[in-house]
Amino acid sequence: MKKYKTIIVDDEKLARIDLKDVLKSFEEFEIVGETNSLHSAEVMINKLHPDIVFLDIQLRGESGFDLLDKIDHDLNFIFVTAYDKYAIRAFDVNAIDYLLKPVSEKRIQQTLTKLNHQVHKEPDGLHKLEYNDIMYLMLNNKYRFLKIDSIIAIKSNADYTDIYTTDKTHLITRKTMKEWETRLPENHFCRIHRETIVNLVYISKLDDGLSHSHKVYLEGVDRPFLISRRFSAKIKEKFL
């Protein structure tokens, strides 16, 4: 049986007690800590490295969403709140689930099913991405959000990849070209070279040069990228 190290973040003591009572019925959740503020939650996460954080959205003077920008660990969030108006934003940041208070055992069972399904189906996190998805990954040595539709191009850089985005921020992440090619939506992204993947939306011009060399020009990127002969027909088929 898979066990998940779990932390509860809620500024109401009674709410934490109620949630702990419900979670006690599920051996899969191993509660390793609880806290009432984002600062103490950040400290606790960095110290204990949990798998799951049950996170209240509305804390005193704080928003639970702000915690996501403060941590450098890969973990899953389950948002808990008394209001349903934050549901869309919760799923925009790839939360496992969104729970309304008071939380019932039946609802936690549904959450656990989702969690186990994700672990079983995507052990390496290599699920196919949609164009409007938001990734949460290590960028420039810090976990950040990355909108898929903001990616202009991706280029290989030894064991890393460089990401060109619409805001012209230079991003580096430890992901392979193979992983990017596997995950990115094929109707928007195309590999044009062993070292380069481009977003078709941002192609401004294809150039047939001398000696059968080809180049692609992208909006927002100063210099063109070479298209290898292997991928030339593929990019033309998608673009023309």
Protein backbone atom coordinates (compact mmCIF):
# COMPACT_ATOMS: atom_id res chain seq x y z
CA MET A 1 0.00 0.00 0.00
CA LYS A 2 1.30 3.41 -1.04
CA LYS A 3 1.70 5.82 1.89
CA TYR A 4 1.72 9.60 1.49
CA LYS A 5 3.52 11.88 3.93
CA THR A 6 0.91 14.56 4.59
CA ILE A 7 0.85 18.10 5.97
CA ILE A 8 -2.26 20.11 6.80
CA VAL A 9 -2.21 23.91 6.43
CA ASP A 10 -5.23 25.75 7.85
CA ASP A 11 -5.46 28.78 10.12
CA GLU A 12 -8.49 27.35 11.96
CA LYS A 13 -7.57 24.80 14.64
CA LEU A 14 -11.00 23.15 14.58
CA ALA A 15 -10.78 22.74 10.81
CA ARG A 16 -7.43 20.99 11.18
CA ILE A 17 -8.87 18.71 13.89
CA ASP A 18 -11.87 17.83 11.71
CA LEU A 19 -9.69 17.02 8.71
CA LYS A 20 -7.30 14.92 10.80
CA ASP A 21 -10.24 12.94 12.18
CA VAL A 22 -11.43 12.18 8.65
CA LEU A 23 -7.94 11.27 7.41
CA LYS A 24 -7.43 8.84 10.32
CA SER A 25 -9.78 6.46 8.53
CA PHE A 26 -7.27 6.20 5.66
CA GLU A 27 -3.96 4.46 6.36
CA GLU A 28 -2.56 5.85 3.13
CA PHE A 29 -2.25 9.34 4.60
CA GLU A 30 0.55 9.64 7.15
CA ILE A 31 0.11 13.03 8.83
CA VAL A 32 3.58 14.33 9.64
CA GLY A 33 2.72 17.92 10.49
CA GLU A 34 0.15 20.70 10.65
CA THR A 35 0.42 24.48 10.70
CA ASN A 36 -1.63 27.67 10.49
CA SER A 37 0.40 30.01 8.23
CA LEU A 38 2.24 30.07 4.92
CA HIS A 39 5.60 30.89 6.50
CA SER A 40 5.49 27.96 8.90
CA ALA A 41 4.17 25.76 6.08
CA GLU A 42 7.15 26.69 3.93
CA VAL A 43 9.55 25.83 6.76
CA MET A 44 7.78 22.56 7.44
CA ILE A 45 7.75 21.52 3.77
CA ASN A 46 11.47 22.25 3.40
CA LYS A 47 12.19 20.20 6.50
CA LEU A 48 9.85 17.21 6.06
CA HIS A 49 9.50 16.97 2.25
CA PRO A 50 5.90 15.72 2.27
CA ASP A 51 4.12 14.05 -0.64
CA ILE A 52 0.78 15.79 -0.03
CA VAL A 53 -0.27 19.17 1.37
CA PHE A 54 -3.90 19.77 2.30
CA LEU A 55 -3.96 23.54 1.88
CA ASP A 56 -6.65 25.98 2.95
CA ILE A 57 -7.05 28.73 0.35
CA GLN A 58 -8.18 31.54 2.63
CA LEU A 59 -5.87 32.06 5.60
CA ARG A 60 -5.71 35.19 7.72
CA GLY A 61 -4.39 37.88 5.40
CA GLU A 62 -2.91 35.27 3.06
CA SER A 63 -3.85 33.16 0.06
CA GLY A 64 -2.91 29.49 -0.05
CA PHE A 65 -2.03 29.92 -3.73
CA ASP A 66 0.95 32.08 -2.69
CA LEU A 67 2.61 29.08 -1.06
CA LEU A 68 3.16 27.43 -4.44
CA ASP A 69 5.68 30.12 -5.43
CA LYS A 70 7.66 29.73 -2.21
CA ILE A 71 8.65 26.06 -2.32
CA ASP A 72 11.35 24.20 -4.21
CA HIS A 73 10.01 20.66 -3.84
CA ASP A 74 7.92 18.52 -6.14
CA LEU A 75 4.75 17.62 -4.24
CA ASN A 76 0.98 17.41 -4.68
CA PHE A 77 -1.56 19.93 -3.38
CA ILE A 78 -5.13 19.28 -2.35
CA PHE A 79 -6.97 22.54 -1.78
CA VAL A 80 -9.52 22.74 1.04
CA THR A 81 -11.91 25.67 1.41
CA ALA A 82 -15.37 26.71 2.51
CA TYR A 83 -15.99 28.37 -0.87
CA ASP A 84 -16.27 26.96 -4.39
CA LYS A 85 -15.29 30.13 -6.28
CA TYR A 86 -11.60 29.13 -6.39
CA ALA A 87 -12.11 25.74 -8.06
CA ILE A 88 -11.07 26.74 -11.57
CA ARG A 89 -7.86 28.41 -10.38
CA ALA A 90 -7.04 25.37 -8.21
CA PHE A 91 -7.14 23.06 -11.21
CA ASP A 92 -5.27 25.61 -13.33
CA VAL A 93 -2.27 25.01 -11.07
CA ASN A 94 -2.66 21.24 -11.38
CA ALA A 95 -4.01 20.56 -7.91
CA ILE A 96 -4.89 16.92 -7.29
CA ASP A 97 -8.30 17.88 -5.93
CA TYR A 98 -10.46 20.67 -4.54
CA LEU A 99 -12.42 19.92 -1.35
CA LEU A 100 -15.24 21.88 0.22
CA LYS A 101 -15.54 22.03 3.99
CA PRO A 102 -16.69 20.08 5.89
CA VAL A 103 -14.79 17.23 4.22
CA SER A 104 -16.39 13.80 4.36
CA GLU A 105 -14.80 10.34 4.29
CA LYS A 106 -16.60 9.63 1.01
CA ARG A 107 -15.03 12.71 -0.57
CA ILE A 108 -11.55 11.80 0.70
CA GLN A 109 -11.96 8.34 -0.83
CA GLN A 110 -12.56 9.99 -4.20
CA THR A 111 -9.44 12.10 -3.71
CA LEU A 112 -7.41 9.03 -2.82
CA THR A 113 -8.64 7.27 -5.94
CA LYS A 114 -7.48 10.22 -8.06
CA LEU A 115 -4.13 10.27 -6.32
CA ASN A 116 -3.53 6.54 -6.71
CA HIS A 117 -4.61 6.69 -10.33
CA GLN A 118 -2.09 9.42 -11.05
CA VAL A 119 0.73 7.54 -9.34
CA HIS A 120 -0.13 4.33 -11.17
CA LYS A 121 -0.75 5.86 -14.58
CA GLU A 122 2.02 8.47 -14.58
CA PRO A 123 4.90 7.24 -12.44
CA ASP A 124 7.31 9.51 -14.28
CA GLY A 125 4.94 12.43 -14.65
CA LEU A 126 5.03 12.00 -18.45
CA HIS A 127 1.35 12.60 -19.18
CA LYS A 128 0.42 14.33 -22.44
CA LEU A 129 0.02 18.08 -22.07
CA GLU A 130 -2.73 20.26 -23.51
CA TYR A 131 -1.92 23.63 -25.08
CA ASN A 132 -3.65 25.56 -22.27
CA ASP A 133 -2.01 23.54 -19.47
CA ILE A 134 0.27 25.03 -16.84
CA MET A 135 3.33 23.06 -15.73
CA TYR A 136 4.92 23.31 -12.31
CA LEU A 137 8.58 22.44 -12.69
CA MET A 138 12.12 23.38 -11.77
CA LEU A 139 13.19 26.40 -13.82
CA ASN A 140 16.47 28.21 -13.15
CA ASN A 141 16.89 26.21 -9.91
CA LYS A 142 13.47 27.18 -8.54
CA TYR A 143 10.05 25.60 -8.93
CA ARG A 144 7.87 27.87 -11.05
CA PHE A 145 4.76 27.83 -13.23
CA LEU A 146 5.14 27.62 -17.00
CA LYS A 147 2.24 28.13 -19.40
CA ILE A 148 2.55 25.76 -22.33
CA ASP A 149 1.12 28.32 -24.75
CA SER A 150 3.89 30.76 -23.75
CA ILE A 151 6.64 28.48 -25.07
CA ILE A 152 8.06 29.68 -28.40
CA ALA A 153 10.88 27.15 -28.73
CA ILE A 154 12.91 24.62 -26.77
CA LYS A 155 16.58 23.91 -27.49
CA SER A 156 18.88 21.21 -26.17
CA ASN A 157 21.67 22.31 -23.83
CA ALA A 158 23.74 19.30 -22.71
CA ASP A 159 21.75 17.64 -19.88
CA TYR A 160 19.33 20.58 -19.82
CA THR A 161 17.00 22.37 -22.19
CA ASP A 162 16.68 26.11 -22.84
CA ILE A 163 13.14 27.45 -23.09
CA TYR A 164 12.29 30.54 -25.15
CA THR A 165 9.05 32.16 -23.97
CA THR A 166 6.80 35.03 -24.99
CA ASP A 167 8.03 37.22 -22.11
CA LYS A 168 11.64 36.70 -23.30
CA THR A 169 12.72 35.19 -19.98
CA HIS A 170 15.68 32.83 -20.29
CA LEU A 171 14.64 29.56 -18.65
CA ILE A 172 16.66 26.38 -18.13
CA THR A 173 15.30 23.06 -16.91
CA ARG A 174 16.64 19.55 -16.51
CA LYS A 175 14.39 17.83 -19.05
CA THR A 176 15.37 15.93 -22.16
CA MET A 177 14.25 16.72 -25.68
CA LYS A 178 12.65 13.29 -25.83
CA GLU A 179 10.50 14.08 -22.81
CA TRP A 180 9.41 17.41 -24.27
CA GLU A 181 8.60 15.83 -27.62
CA THR A 182 6.58 13.11 -25.89
CA ARG A 183 4.60 15.49 -23.71
CA LEU A 184 3.94 18.57 -25.85
CA PRO A 185 0.75 18.63 -27.97
CA GLU A 186 1.63 17.58 -31.51
CA ASN A 187 -0.84 19.94 -33.16
CA HIS A 188 1.09 22.94 -31.78
CA PHE A 189 4.71 21.79 -31.40
CA CYS A 190 7.07 20.19 -33.89
CA ARG A 191 10.66 19.00 -33.73
CA ILE A 192 12.72 20.65 -36.49
CA HIS A 193 16.17 19.45 -35.46
CA ARG A 194 17.76 16.99 -33.08
CA GLU A 195 18.31 19.97 -30.78
CA THR A 196 15.19 22.10 -31.39
CA ILE A 197 11.41 22.01 -30.91
CA VAL A 198 9.28 24.98 -32.02
CA ASN A 199 5.76 26.21 -31.42
CA LEU A 200 3.99 26.35 -34.79
CA VAL A 201 1.92 29.32 -33.66
CA TYR A 202 5.00 31.56 -33.58
CA ILE A 203 6.50 30.64 -36.95
CA SER A 204 6.76 33.80 -39.06
CA LYS A 205 8.76 32.49 -42.03
CA LEU A 206 10.36 29.37 -43.48
CA ASP A 207 13.51 29.99 -45.55
CA ASP A 208 15.03 27.61 -48.11
CA GLY A 209 18.70 28.55 -48.25
CA LEU A 210 21.68 27.37 -50.24
CA SER A 211 22.94 23.78 -50.16
CA HIS A 212 19.50 22.52 -49.19
CA SER A 213 19.72 24.20 -45.77
CA HIS A 214 16.49 25.46 -44.25
CA LYS A 215 15.75 27.95 -41.51
CA VAL A 216 12.69 28.84 -39.49
CA TYR A 217 12.03 32.33 -38.10
CA LEU A 218 10.00 32.68 -34.92
CA GLU A 219 8.20 35.70 -33.49
CA GLY A 220 9.93 36.89 -30.35
CA VAL A 221 13.28 35.20 -31.14
CA ASP A 222 16.06 37.26 -32.71
CA ARG A 223 17.83 34.57 -34.69
CA PRO A 224 16.45 31.78 -36.89
CA PHE A 225 16.78 28.07 -36.14
CA LEU A 226 18.10 25.49 -38.57
CA ILE A 227 15.75 22.79 -39.82
CA SER A 228 17.52 19.48 -40.37
CA ARG A 229 16.83 17.51 -43.56
CA ARG A 230 15.28 14.76 -41.45
CA PHE A 231 12.52 17.07 -40.16
CA SER A 232 12.18 19.40 -43.17
CA ALA A 233 9.23 17.63 -44.80
CA LYS A 234 7.47 17.27 -41.46
CA ILE A 235 7.61 20.95 -40.57
CA LYS A 236 6.51 22.00 -44.07
CA GLU A 237 3.58 19.60 -43.92
CA LYS A 238 2.45 21.05 -40.61
CA PHE A 239 3.06 24.67 -41.49
CA LEU A 240 1.99 24.98 -45.12
